[in-house]
């Protein structure tokens, strides 16, 4: 029996906005996650907004859609990746 895929998984894997590196959201280093998203966003020719906004949107989308299936440790790492992404793009950190 085929495993049912959620629409959010399809968006994450097949988004026209960004070509994500494999397993980027499972990495355990917030800096590596941010660097990967930055590379993907800057390389994309399909995005509809700037690279920073596209990368941050994809990260936020993943965090929100992973929901209860995301363990507390990985959620914390992904939240830290938001700060790392801001640093990578020279944006001020949120207070």
Protein backbone atom coordinates (compact mmCIF):
# COMPACT_ATOMS: atom_id res chain seq x y z
CA UNK A 1 0.00 0.00 0.00
CA UNK A 2 1.40 3.40 -0.98
CA UNK A 3 2.22 5.82 1.79
CA UNK A 4 -0.07 8.86 1.75
CA UNK A 5 1.84 12.10 1.33
CA UNK A 6 0.61 15.36 2.75
CA UNK A 7 0.36 18.41 0.50
CA UNK A 8 2.84 20.22 2.75
CA UNK A 9 5.43 17.50 2.17
CA UNK A 10 4.93 17.87 -1.56
CA UNK A 11 5.41 21.64 -1.33
CA UNK A 12 8.60 21.23 0.68
CA UNK A 13 10.02 18.66 -1.73
CA UNK A 14 8.80 20.06 -5.05
CA UNK A 15 8.40 23.80 -4.53
CA UNK A 16 9.02 25.92 -7.61
CA UNK A 17 10.16 28.73 -5.35
CA UNK A 18 13.27 26.97 -4.02
CA UNK A 19 15.20 23.86 -4.93
CA UNK A 20 16.10 22.69 -1.45
CA UNK A 21 19.11 20.55 -0.68
CA UNK A 22 18.09 17.05 0.47
CA UNK A 23 17.18 16.73 4.17
CA UNK A 24 18.01 20.38 4.94
CA UNK A 25 15.40 20.52 7.71
CA UNK A 26 16.83 17.46 9.47
CA UNK A 27 20.30 18.96 9.96
CA UNK A 28 21.32 19.56 13.58
CA UNK A 29 23.27 22.79 13.05
CA UNK A 30 21.20 25.99 12.69
CA UNK A 31 24.07 27.66 10.82
CA UNK A 32 24.19 24.84 8.24
CA UNK A 33 20.42 25.01 7.75
CA UNK A 34 20.57 28.78 7.21
CA UNK A 35 23.51 28.50 4.82
CA UNK A 36 21.72 25.84 2.78
CA UNK A 37 18.51 27.87 2.58
CA UNK A 38 20.50 30.95 1.58
CA UNK A 39 22.24 29.05 -1.24
CA UNK A 40 18.93 27.67 -2.46
CA UNK A 41 17.18 31.04 -2.34
CA UNK A 42 19.98 32.88 -4.12
CA UNK A 43 20.20 30.22 -6.84
CA UNK A 44 16.46 30.08 -7.47
CA UNK A 45 15.11 31.72 -10.61
CA UNK A 46 11.49 30.91 -9.75
CA UNK A 47 11.02 32.81 -6.52
CA UNK A 48 8.54 35.67 -6.41
CA UNK A 49 10.23 37.69 -3.68
CA UNK A 50 13.77 38.39 -2.55
CA UNK A 51 16.11 35.59 -1.45
CA UNK A 52 15.85 36.39 2.27
CA UNK A 53 12.08 36.43 2.26
CA UNK A 54 11.86 33.23 0.21
CA UNK A 55 14.27 31.37 2.49
CA UNK A 56 12.57 32.57 5.68
CA UNK A 57 9.14 31.73 4.28
CA UNK A 58 10.17 28.18 3.45
CA UNK A 59 11.70 27.70 6.90
CA UNK A 60 8.61 29.07 8.65
CA UNK A 61 6.34 27.01 6.41
CA UNK A 62 8.22 23.85 7.34
CA UNK A 63 8.13 24.59 11.08
CA UNK A 64 4.41 25.35 10.99
CA UNK A 65 3.47 22.37 8.83
CA UNK A 66 5.64 19.83 10.62
CA UNK A 67 3.43 20.49 13.63
CA UNK A 68 3.27 17.81 16.30
CA UNK A 69 5.55 15.53 14.31
CA UNK A 70 8.52 17.79 14.99
CA UNK A 71 10.34 16.95 18.20
CA UNK A 72 11.21 19.76 20.60
CA UNK A 73 14.96 19.56 19.92
CA UNK A 74 14.60 19.89 16.15
CA UNK A 75 12.00 22.67 16.52
CA UNK A 76 14.50 24.59 18.69
CA UNK A 77 17.23 24.07 16.08
CA UNK A 78 14.94 25.29 13.29
CA UNK A 79 13.91 28.34 15.33
CA UNK A 80 17.61 29.11 15.87
CA UNK A 81 18.12 28.75 12.12
CA UNK A 82 15.80 31.75 11.66
CA UNK A 83 18.28 33.91 13.58
CA UNK A 84 21.17 32.43 11.60
CA UNK A 85 19.32 33.21 8.38
CA UNK A 86 18.89 36.84 9.45
CA UNK A 87 22.62 37.04 10.17
CA UNK A 88 23.50 35.41 6.84
CA UNK A 89 21.48 38.03 4.97
CA UNK A 90 22.65 40.94 7.15
CA UNK A 91 19.22 41.51 8.67
CA UNK A 92 18.77 42.60 12.30
CA UNK A 93 17.88 39.90 14.80
CA UNK A 94 14.47 40.01 16.40
CA UNK A 95 14.50 41.22 19.99
